[in-house]
Amino acid sequence: MDIIADILHVVSQNAKKTQIMYQANLSYKVLQRYLRDITEASLISFETAEQCYVLTSKGQDFLEAYKDYSKTHKSIEKRLNDVDSKKKNLEELCSNK
């Protein structure tokens, strides 16, 4: 999902394939596969007149939902790391060292 979000972020500014490839740091082959998949999912569309990819409303919805997911994920991950740290402290207190 991170790669999809990266691509959509670049495309949100209307982007050509090479711009997407460099800004999302993807090889051409990998980019081709993702562009096909997210175009089929209607997250982006190709503007023939402009020769660039544009974000659809569904793609914008995805980006907003992804930002919310990412924020929640990071918060939970931080809390889990805190719990792991406390567990390690407890284990150290129980050891004979």
PDB file of N, CA and C in Angstrom:
ATOM      1  N   MET A   1       0.807  -1.195   0.000  1.00  0.00           N
ATOM      2  CA  MET A   1       0.000   0.000   0.000  1.00  0.00           C
ATOM      3  C   MET A   1       0.852   1.263   0.000  1.00  0.00           C
ATOM      4  N   ASP A   2       2.048   1.168   0.577  1.00  0.00           N
ATOM      5  CA  ASP A   2       2.923   2.339   0.606  1.00  0.00           C
ATOM      6  C   ASP A   2       3.285   2.791  -0.804  1.00  0.00           C
ATOM      7  N   ILE A   3       3.564   1.837  -1.666  1.00  0.00           N
ATOM      8  CA  ILE A   3       3.935   2.175  -3.046  1.00  0.00           C
ATOM      9  C   ILE A   3       2.754   2.818  -3.762  1.00  0.00           C
ATOM     10  N   ILE A   4       1.576   2.264  -3.564  1.00  0.00           N
ATOM     11  CA  ILE A   4       0.380   2.842  -4.189  1.00  0.00           C
ATOM     12  C   ILE A   4       0.189   4.274  -3.703  1.00  0.00           C
ATOM     13  N   ALA A   5       0.323   4.486  -2.406  1.00  0.00           N
ATOM     14  CA  ALA A   5       0.171   5.835  -1.856  1.00  0.00           C
ATOM     15  C   ALA A   5       1.231   6.778  -2.421  1.00  0.00           C
ATOM     16  N   ASP A   6       2.463   6.304  -2.560  1.00  0.00           N
ATOM     17  CA  ASP A   6       3.525   7.134  -3.143  1.00  0.00           C
ATOM     18  C   ASP A   6       3.174   7.540  -4.572  1.00  0.00           C
ATOM     19  N   ILE A   7       2.707   6.584  -5.345  1.00  0.00           N
ATOM     20  CA  ILE A   7       2.336   6.870  -6.736  1.00  0.00           C
ATOM     21  C   ILE A   7       1.185   7.865  -6.778  1.00  0.00           C
ATOM     22  N   LEU A   8       0.165   7.632  -5.974  1.00  0.00           N
ATOM     23  CA  LEU A   8      -0.994   8.527  -5.971  1.00  0.00           C
ATOM     24  C   LEU A   8      -0.609   9.933  -5.536  1.00  0.00           C
ATOM     25  N   HIS A   9       0.312  10.030  -4.596  1.00  0.00           N
ATOM     26  CA  HIS A   9       0.772  11.349  -4.154  1.00  0.00           C
ATOM     27  C   HIS A   9       1.425  12.105  -5.316  1.00  0.00           C
ATOM     28  N   VAL A  10       2.250  11.417  -6.076  1.00  0.00           N
ATOM     29  CA  VAL A  10       2.899  12.048  -7.235  1.00  0.00           C
ATOM     30  C   VAL A  10       1.851  12.409  -8.285  1.00  0.00           C
ATOM     31  N   VAL A  11       0.932  11.494  -8.542  1.00  0.00           N
ATOM     32  CA  VAL A  11      -0.091  11.710  -9.570  1.00  0.00           C
ATOM     33  C   VAL A  11      -1.059  12.826  -9.164  1.00  0.00           C
ATOM     34  N   SER A  12      -1.185  13.098  -7.881  1.00  0.00           N
ATOM     35  CA  SER A  12      -2.104  14.153  -7.434  1.00  0.00           C
ATOM     36  C   SER A  12      -1.721  15.516  -8.006  1.00  0.00           C
ATOM     37  N   GLN A  13      -0.496  15.631  -8.505  1.00  0.00           N
ATOM     38  CA  GLN A  13      -0.025  16.870  -9.127  1.00  0.00           C
ATOM     39  C   GLN A  13      -0.037  16.754 -10.658  1.00  0.00           C
ATOM     40  N   ASN A  14      -0.723  15.720 -11.177  1.00  0.00           N
ATOM     41  CA  ASN A  14      -0.732  15.394 -12.611  1.00  0.00           C
ATOM     42  C   ASN A  14       0.705  15.135 -13.067  1.00  0.00           C
ATOM     43  N   ALA A  15       0.987  13.893 -13.380  1.00  0.00           N
ATOM     44  CA  ALA A  15       2.375  13.520 -13.647  1.00  0.00           C
ATOM     45  C   ALA A  15       2.495  12.573 -14.827  1.00  0.00           C
ATOM     46  N   LYS A  16       3.603  12.712 -15.516  1.00  0.00           N
ATOM     47  CA  LYS A  16       3.944  11.783 -16.590  1.00  0.00           C
ATOM     48  C   LYS A  16       4.641  10.576 -15.984  1.00  0.00           C
ATOM     49  N   LYS A  17       4.731   9.531 -16.780  1.00  0.00           N
ATOM     50  CA  LYS A  17       5.279   8.266 -16.303  1.00  0.00           C
ATOM     51  C   LYS A  17       6.689   8.418 -15.721  1.00  0.00           C
ATOM     52  N   THR A  18       7.549   9.175 -16.391  1.00  0.00           N
ATOM     53  CA  THR A  18       8.921   9.319 -15.889  1.00  0.00           C
ATOM     54  C   THR A  18       8.957  10.066 -14.557  1.00  0.00           C
ATOM     55  N   GLN A  19       8.087  11.058 -14.396  1.00  0.00           N
ATOM     56  CA  GLN A  19       8.020  11.781 -13.125  1.00  0.00           C
ATOM     57  C   GLN A  19       7.609  10.839 -11.997  1.00  0.00           C
ATOM     58  N   ILE A  20       6.616  10.021 -12.273  1.00  0.00           N
ATOM     59  CA  ILE A  20       6.144   9.068 -11.265  1.00  0.00           C
ATOM     60  C   ILE A  20       7.264   8.096 -10.918  1.00  0.00           C
ATOM     61  N   MET A  21       7.919   7.584 -11.944  1.00  0.00           N
ATOM     62  CA  MET A  21       8.983   6.601 -11.752  1.00  0.00           C
ATOM     63  C   MET A  21      10.088   7.156 -10.845  1.00  0.00           C
ATOM     64  N   TYR A  22      10.549   8.368 -11.118  1.00  0.00           N
ATOM     65  CA  TYR A  22      11.637   8.948 -10.332  1.00  0.00           C
ATOM     66  C   TYR A  22      11.186   9.377  -8.939  1.00  0.00           C
ATOM     67  N   GLN A  23      10.039  10.024  -8.846  1.00  0.00           N
ATOM     68  CA  GLN A  23       9.597  10.528  -7.543  1.00  0.00           C
ATOM     69  C   GLN A  23       9.143   9.413  -6.605  1.00  0.00           C
ATOM     70  N   ALA A  24       8.614   8.323  -7.172  1.00  0.00           N
ATOM     71  CA  ALA A  24       8.212   7.183  -6.338  1.00  0.00           C
ATOM     72  C   ALA A  24       9.353   6.175  -6.196  1.00  0.00           C
ATOM     73  N   ASN A  25      10.467   6.449  -6.873  1.00  0.00           N
ATOM     74  CA  ASN A  25      11.669   5.604  -6.799  1.00  0.00           C
ATOM     75  C   ASN A  25      11.381   4.152  -7.205  1.00  0.00           C
ATOM     76  N   LEU A  26      10.810   3.990  -8.397  1.00  0.00           N
ATOM     77  CA  LEU A  26      10.448   2.667  -8.895  1.00  0.00           C
ATOM     78  C   LEU A  26      11.129   2.390 -10.223  1.00  0.00           C
ATOM     79  N   SER A  27      11.389   1.124 -10.475  1.00  0.00           N
ATOM     80  CA  SER A  27      11.894   0.742 -11.792  1.00  0.00           C
ATOM     81  C   SER A  27      10.741   0.850 -12.790  1.00  0.00           C
ATOM     82  N   TYR A  28      11.089   0.920 -14.060  1.00  0.00           N
ATOM     83  CA  TYR A  28      10.066   1.043 -15.093  1.00  0.00           C
ATOM     84  C   TYR A  28       9.124  -0.162 -15.076  1.00  0.00           C
ATOM     85  N   LYS A  29       9.678  -1.339 -14.931  1.00  0.00           N
ATOM     86  CA  LYS A  29       8.874  -2.564 -14.937  1.00  0.00           C
ATOM     87  C   LYS A  29       7.882  -2.591 -13.773  1.00  0.00           C
ATOM     88  N   VAL A  30       8.353  -2.245 -12.589  1.00  0.00           N
ATOM     89  CA  VAL A  30       7.478  -2.226 -11.412  1.00  0.00           C
ATOM     90  C   VAL A  30       6.411  -1.145 -11.569  1.00  0.00           C
ATOM     91  N   LEU A  31       6.817   0.015 -12.054  1.00  0.00           N
ATOM     92  CA  LEU A  31       5.866   1.106 -12.264  1.00  0.00           C
ATOM     93  C   LEU A  31       4.765   0.689 -13.226  1.00  0.00           C
ATOM     94  N   GLN A  32       5.133   0.042 -14.315  1.00  0.00           N
ATOM     95  CA  GLN A  32       4.144  -0.402 -15.304  1.00  0.00           C
ATOM     96  C   GLN A  32       3.062  -1.261 -14.654  1.00  0.00           C
ATOM     97  N   ARG A  33       3.491  -2.197 -13.819  1.00  0.00           N
ATOM     98  CA  ARG A  33       2.537  -3.094 -13.159  1.00  0.00           C
ATOM     99  C   ARG A  33       1.600  -2.315 -12.232  1.00  0.00           C
ATOM    100  N   TYR A  34       2.179  -1.424 -11.442  1.00  0.00           N
ATOM    101  CA  TYR A  34       1.350  -0.642 -10.519  1.00  0.00           C
ATOM    102  C   TYR A  34       0.405   0.293 -11.264  1.00  0.00           C
ATOM    103  N   LEU A  35       0.892   0.943 -12.308  1.00  0.00           N
ATOM    104  CA  LEU A  35       0.019   1.835 -13.075  1.00  0.00           C
ATOM    105  C   LEU A  35      -1.159   1.072 -13.663  1.00  0.00           C
ATOM    106  N   ARG A  36      -0.889  -0.117 -14.163  1.00  0.00           N
ATOM    107  CA  ARG A  36      -1.978  -0.941 -14.709  1.00  0.00           C
ATOM    108  C   ARG A  36      -2.999  -1.261 -13.617  1.00  0.00           C
ATOM    109  N   ASP A  37      -2.503  -1.717 -12.483  1.00  0.00           N
ATOM    110  CA  ASP A  37      -3.398  -2.130 -11.401  1.00  0.00           C
ATOM    111  C   ASP A  37      -4.212  -0.970 -10.837  1.00  0.00           C
ATOM    112  N   ILE A  38      -3.569   0.162 -10.600  1.00  0.00           N
ATOM    113  CA  ILE A  38      -4.323   1.261  -9.994  1.00  0.00           C
ATOM    114  C   ILE A  38      -5.191   2.007 -11.006  1.00  0.00           C
ATOM    115  N   THR A  39      -4.854   1.889 -12.285  1.00  0.00           N
ATOM    116  CA  THR A  39      -5.750   2.421 -13.312  1.00  0.00           C
ATOM    117  C   THR A  39      -6.995   1.545 -13.400  1.00  0.00           C
ATOM    118  N   GLU A  40      -6.803   0.218 -13.381  1.00  0.00           N
ATOM    119  CA  GLU A  40      -7.938  -0.705 -13.406  1.00  0.00           C
ATOM    120  C   GLU A  40      -8.817  -0.541 -12.171  1.00  0.00           C
ATOM    121  N   ALA A  41      -8.219  -0.141 -11.056  1.00  0.00           N
ATOM    122  CA  ALA A  41      -8.979   0.085  -9.818  1.00  0.00           C
ATOM    123  C   ALA A  41      -9.629   1.474  -9.798  1.00  0.00           C
ATOM    124  N   SER A  42      -9.439   2.233 -10.865  1.00  0.00           N
ATOM    125  CA  SER A  42     -10.004   3.586 -11.016  1.00  0.00           C
ATOM    126  C   SER A  42      -9.486   4.586  -9.986  1.00  0.00           C
ATOM    127  N   LEU A  43      -8.258   4.378  -9.528  1.00  0.00           N
ATOM    128  CA  LEU A  43      -7.649   5.337  -8.611  1.00  0.00           C
ATOM    129  C   LEU A  43      -6.985   6.480  -9.373  1.00  0.00           C
ATOM    130  N   ILE A  44      -6.564   6.187 -10.597  1.00  0.00           N
ATOM    131  CA  ILE A  44      -5.991   7.199 -11.485  1.00  0.00           C
ATOM    132  C   ILE A  44      -6.565   6.990 -12.878  1.00  0.00           C
ATOM    133  N   SER A  45      -6.393   7.999 -13.706  1.00  0.00           N
ATOM    134  CA  SER A  45      -6.752   7.847 -15.116  1.00  0.00           C
ATOM    135  C   SER A  45      -5.678   8.536 -15.951  1.00  0.00           C
ATOM    136  N   PHE A  46      -5.632   8.171 -17.224  1.00  0.00           N
ATOM    137  CA  PHE A  46      -4.643   8.760 -18.124  1.00  0.00           C
ATOM    138  C   PHE A  46      -5.335   9.791 -18.997  1.00  0.00           C
ATOM    139  N   GLU A  47      -4.835  11.020 -18.956  1.00  0.00           N
ATOM    140  CA  GLU A  47      -5.365  12.099 -19.785  1.00  0.00           C
ATOM    141  C   GLU A  47      -4.612  12.108 -21.109  1.00  0.00           C
ATOM    142  N   THR A  48      -5.273  11.695 -22.150  1.00  0.00           N
ATOM    143  CA  THR A  48      -4.633  11.587 -23.458  1.00  0.00           C
ATOM    144  C   THR A  48      -4.153  12.945 -23.964  1.00  0.00           C
ATOM    145  N   ALA A  49      -4.976  13.972 -23.819  1.00  0.00           N
ATOM    146  CA  ALA A  49      -4.614  15.297 -24.323  1.00  0.00           C
ATOM    147  C   ALA A  49      -3.366  15.838 -23.629  1.00  0.00           C
ATOM    148  N   GLU A  50      -3.282  15.651 -22.333  1.00  0.00           N
ATOM    149  CA  GLU A  50      -2.148  16.153 -21.550  1.00  0.00           C
ATOM    150  C   GLU A  50      -0.988  15.164 -21.506  1.00  0.00           C
ATOM    151  N   GLN A  51      -1.261  13.902 -21.878  1.00  0.00           N
ATOM    152  CA  GLN A  51      -0.267  12.827 -21.810  1.00  0.00           C
ATOM    153  C   GLN A  51       0.273  12.664 -20.387  1.00  0.00           C
ATOM    154  N   CYS A  52      -0.656  12.677 -19.418  1.00  0.00           N
ATOM    155  CA  CYS A  52      -0.241  12.496 -18.029  1.00  0.00           C
ATOM    156  C   CYS A  52      -1.320  11.752 -17.249  1.00  0.00           C
ATOM    157  N   TYR A  53      -0.919  11.267 -16.092  1.00  0.00           N
ATOM    158  CA  TYR A  53      -1.846  10.577 -15.200  1.00  0.00           C
ATOM    159  C   TYR A  53      -2.428  11.585 -14.220  1.00  0.00           C
ATOM    160  N   VAL A  54      -3.708  11.409 -13.912  1.00  0.00           N
ATOM    161  CA  VAL A  54      -4.390  12.286 -12.962  1.00  0.00           C
ATOM    162  C   VAL A  54      -5.089  11.432 -11.910  1.00  0.00           C
ATOM    163  N   LEU A  55      -5.248  12.017 -10.760  1.00  0.00           N
ATOM    164  CA  LEU A  55      -5.897  11.347  -9.643  1.00  0.00           C
ATOM    165  C   LEU A  55      -7.410  11.445  -9.809  1.00  0.00           C
ATOM    166  N   THR A  56      -8.099  10.348  -9.605  1.00  0.00           N
ATOM    167  CA  THR A  56      -9.563  10.358  -9.644  1.00  0.00           C
ATOM    168  C   THR A  56     -10.090  10.677  -8.244  1.00  0.00           C
ATOM    169  N   SER A  57     -11.391  10.877  -8.138  1.00  0.00           N
ATOM    170  CA  SER A  57     -11.966  11.125  -6.810  1.00  0.00           C
ATOM    171  C   SER A  57     -11.790   9.894  -5.923  1.00  0.00           C
ATOM    172  N   LYS A  58     -11.865   8.708  -6.517  1.00  0.00           N
ATOM    173  CA  LYS A  58     -11.627   7.476  -5.756  1.00  0.00           C
ATOM    174  C   LYS A  58     -10.173   7.431  -5.274  1.00  0.00           C
ATOM    175  N   GLY A  59      -9.254   7.879  -6.104  1.00  0.00           N
ATOM    176  CA  GLY A  59      -7.849   7.941  -5.719  1.00  0.00           C
ATOM    177  C   GLY A  59      -7.620   8.925  -4.583  1.00  0.00           C
ATOM    178  N   GLN A  60      -8.322  10.056  -4.637  1.00  0.00           N
ATOM    179  CA  GLN A  60      -8.231  11.044  -3.553  1.00  0.00           C
ATOM    180  C   GLN A  60      -8.773  10.448  -2.261  1.00  0.00           C
ATOM    181  N   ASP A  61      -9.893   9.727  -2.357  1.00  0.00           N
ATOM    182  CA  ASP A  61     -10.457   9.054  -1.177  1.00  0.00           C
ATOM    183  C   ASP A  61      -9.458   8.055  -0.603  1.00  0.00           C
ATOM    184  N   PHE A  62      -8.781   7.311  -1.492  1.00  0.00           N
ATOM    185  CA  PHE A  62      -7.772   6.350  -1.042  1.00  0.00           C
ATOM    186  C   PHE A  62      -6.656   7.066  -0.282  1.00  0.00           C
ATOM    187  N   LEU A  63      -6.149   8.165  -0.857  1.00  0.00           N
ATOM    188  CA  LEU A  63      -5.053   8.897  -0.213  1.00  0.00           C
ATOM    189  C   LEU A  63      -5.454   9.405   1.169  1.00  0.00           C
ATOM    190  N   GLU A  64      -6.662   9.933   1.287  1.00  0.00           N
ATOM    191  CA  GLU A  64      -7.134  10.427   2.584  1.00  0.00           C
ATOM    192  C   GLU A  64      -7.260   9.281   3.581  1.00  0.00           C
ATOM    193  N   ALA A  65      -7.823   8.155   3.138  1.00  0.00           N
ATOM    194  CA  ALA A  65      -7.960   6.991   4.018  1.00  0.00           C
ATOM    195  C   ALA A  65      -6.585   6.441   4.389  1.00  0.00           C
ATOM    196  N   TYR A  66      -5.648   6.465   3.446  1.00  0.00           N
ATOM    197  CA  TYR A  66      -4.295   5.972   3.707  1.00  0.00           C
ATOM    198  C   TYR A  66      -3.592   6.846   4.746  1.00  0.00           C
ATOM    199  N   LYS A  67      -3.758   8.156   4.638  1.00  0.00           N
ATOM    200  CA  LYS A  67      -3.142   9.058   5.616  1.00  0.00           C
ATOM    201  C   LYS A  67      -3.665   8.751   7.015  1.00  0.00           C
ATOM    202  N   ASP A  68      -4.975   8.526   7.129  1.00  0.00           N
ATOM    203  CA  ASP A  68      -5.576   8.190   8.415  1.00  0.00           C
ATOM    204  C   ASP A  68      -5.044   6.849   8.916  1.00  0.00           C
ATOM    205  N   TYR A  69      -5.004   5.866   8.024  1.00  0.00           N
ATOM    206  CA  TYR A  69      -4.474   4.542   8.372  1.00  0.00           C
ATOM    207  C   TYR A  69      -3.024   4.647   8.835  1.00  0.00           C
ATOM    208  N   SER A  70      -2.216   5.381   8.091  1.00  0.00           N
ATOM    209  CA  SER A  70      -0.794   5.506   8.393  1.00  0.00           C
ATOM    210  C   SER A  70      -0.578   6.158   9.757  1.00  0.00           C
ATOM    211  N   LYS A  71      -1.351   7.189  10.035  1.00  0.00           N
ATOM    212  CA  LYS A  71      -1.249   7.872  11.324  1.00  0.00           C
ATOM    213  C   LYS A  71      -1.616   6.915  12.457  1.00  0.00           C
ATOM    214  N   THR A  72      -2.700   6.172  12.288  1.00  0.00           N
ATOM    215  CA  THR A  72      -3.132   5.206  13.298  1.00  0.00           C
ATOM    216  C   THR A  72      -2.094   4.104  13.464  1.00  0.00           C
ATOM    217  N   HIS A  73      -1.576   3.609  12.352  1.00  0.00           N
ATOM    218  CA  HIS A  73      -0.582   2.539  12.377  1.00  0.00           C
ATOM    219  C   HIS A  73       0.666   2.973  13.143  1.00  0.00           C
ATOM    220  N   LYS A  74       1.143   4.174  12.867  1.00  0.00           N
ATOM    221  CA  LYS A  74       2.339   4.679  13.551  1.00  0.00           C
ATOM    222  C   LYS A  74       2.097   4.825  15.050  1.00  0.00           C
ATOM    223  N   SER A  75       0.915   5.292  15.408  1.00  0.00           N
ATOM    224  CA  SER A  75       0.574   5.451  16.819  1.00  0.00           C
ATOM    225  C   SER A  75       0.543   4.102  17.530  1.00  0.00           C
ATOM    226  N   ILE A  76      -0.083   3.125  16.898  1.00  0.00           N
ATOM    227  CA  ILE A  76      -0.162   1.785  17.482  1.00  0.00           C
ATOM    228  C   ILE A  76       1.225   1.161  17.558  1.00  0.00           C
ATOM    229  N   GLU A  77       2.013   1.341  16.515  1.00  0.00           N
ATOM    230  CA  GLU A  77       3.368   0.792  16.497  1.00  0.00           C
ATOM    231  C   GLU A  77       4.208   1.373  17.641  1.00  0.00           C
ATOM    232  N   LYS A  78       4.061   2.663  17.875  1.00  0.00           N
ATOM    233  CA  LYS A  78       4.786   3.305  18.977  1.00  0.00           C
ATOM    234  C   LYS A  78       4.341   2.718  20.312  1.00  0.00           C
ATOM    235  N   ARG A  79       3.049   2.539  20.470  1.00  0.00           N
ATOM    236  CA  ARG A  79       2.535   1.975  21.722  1.00  0.00           C
ATOM    237  C   ARG A  79       3.017   0.540  21.915  1.00  0.00           C
ATOM    238  N   LEU A  80       3.054  -0.230  20.839  1.00  0.00           N
ATOM    239  CA  LEU A  80       3.557  -1.604  20.932  1.00  0.00           C
ATOM    240  C   LEU A  80       5.038  -1.631  21.307  1.00  0.00           C
ATOM    241  N   ASN A  81       5.797  -0.714  20.749  1.00  0.00           N
ATOM    242  CA  ASN A  81       7.220  -0.623  21.106  1.00  0.00           C
ATOM    243  C   ASN A  81       7.387  -0.282  22.585  1.00  0.00           C
ATOM    244  N   ASP A  82       6.527   0.599  23.091  1.00  0.00           N
ATOM    245  CA  ASP A  82       6.567   0.938  24.514  1.00  0.00           C
ATOM    246  C   ASP A  82       6.243  -0.285  25.369  1.00  0.00           C
ATOM    247  N   VAL A  83       5.241  -1.050  24.947  1.00  0.00           N
ATOM    248  CA  VAL A  83       4.858  -2.264  25.675  1.00  0.00           C
ATOM    249  C   VAL A  83       6.006  -3.270  25.653  1.00  0.00           C
ATOM    250  N   ASP A  84       6.630  -3.442  24.492  1.00  0.00           N
ATOM    251  CA  ASP A  84       7.772  -4.364  24.387  1.00  0.00           C
ATOM    252  C   ASP A  84       8.912  -3.934  25.309  1.00  0.00           C
ATOM    253  N   SER A  85       9.157  -2.649  25.366  1.00  0.00           N
ATOM    254  CA  SER A  85      10.218  -2.131  26.228  1.00  0.00           C
ATOM    255  C   SER A  85       9.906  -2.421  27.697  1.00  0.00           C
ATOM    256  N   LYS A  86       8.670  -2.224  28.084  1.00  0.00           N
ATOM    257  CA  LYS A  86       8.266  -2.500  29.468  1.00  0.00           C
ATOM    258  C   LYS A  86       8.363  -3.991  29.776  1.00  0.00           C
ATOM    259  N   LYS A  87       8.017  -4.819  28.790  1.00  0.00           N
ATOM    260  CA  LYS A  87       8.123  -6.267  28.970  1.00  0.00           C
ATOM    261  C   LYS A  87       9.581  -6.666  29.188  1.00  0.00           C
ATOM    262  N   LYS A  88      10.477  -6.099  28.395  1.00  0.00           N
ATOM    263  CA  LYS A  88      11.908  -6.402  28.541  1.00  0.00           C
ATOM    264  C   LYS A  88      12.413  -5.977  29.913  1.00  0.00           C
ATOM    265  N   ASN A  89      11.952  -4.827  30.381  1.00  0.00           N
ATOM    266  CA  ASN A  89      12.348  -4.369  31.716  1.00  0.00           C
ATOM    267  C   ASN A  89      11.884  -5.355  32.782  1.00  0.00           C
ATOM    268  N   LEU A  90      10.653  -5.841  32.641  1.00  0.00           N
ATOM    269  CA  LEU A  90      10.131  -6.823  33.596  1.00  0.00           C
ATOM    270  C   LEU A  90      10.935  -8.119  33.550  1.00  0.00           C
ATOM    271  N   GLU A  91      11.270  -8.562  32.340  1.00  0.00           N
ATOM    272  CA  GLU A  91      12.060  -9.788  32.191  1.00  0.00           C
ATOM    273  C   GLU A  91      13.433  -9.634  32.830  1.00  0.00           C
ATOM    274  N   GLU A  92      14.028  -8.465  32.672  1.00  0.00           N
ATOM    275  CA  GLU A  92      15.337  -8.211  33.279  1.00  0.00           C
ATOM    276  C   GLU A  92      15.243  -8.228  34.803  1.00  0.00           C
ATOM    277  N   LEU A  93      14.151  -7.714  35.323  1.00  0.00           N
ATOM    278  CA  LEU A  93      13.963  -7.715  36.774  1.00  0.00           C
ATOM    279  C   LEU A  93      13.789  -9.132  37.321  1.00  0.00           C
ATOM    280  N   CYS A  94      13.269 -10.023  36.489  1.00  0.00           N
ATOM    281  CA  CYS A  94      13.048 -11.415  36.908  1.00  0.00           C
ATOM    282  C   CYS A  94      14.290 -12.289  36.744  1.00  0.00           C
ATOM    283  N   SER A  95      15.260 -11.814  36.019  1.00  0.00           N
ATOM    284  CA  SER A  95      16.446 -12.642  35.771  1.00  0.00           C
ATOM    285  C   SER A  95      17.412 -12.574  36.944  1.00  0.00           C
ATOM    286  N   ASN A  96      18.313 -13.526  36.982  1.00  0.00           N
ATOM    287  CA  ASN A  96      19.305 -13.600  38.062  1.00  0.00           C
ATOM    288  C   ASN A  96      20.559 -12.789  37.768  1.00  0.00           C
ATOM    289  N   LYS A  97      20.571 -12.047  36.721  1.00  0.00           N
ATOM    290  CA  LYS A  97      21.775 -11.308  36.313  1.00  0.00           C
ATOM    291  C   LYS A  97      21.986 -10.081  37.138  1.00  0.00           C
TER     292      LYS A  97
END
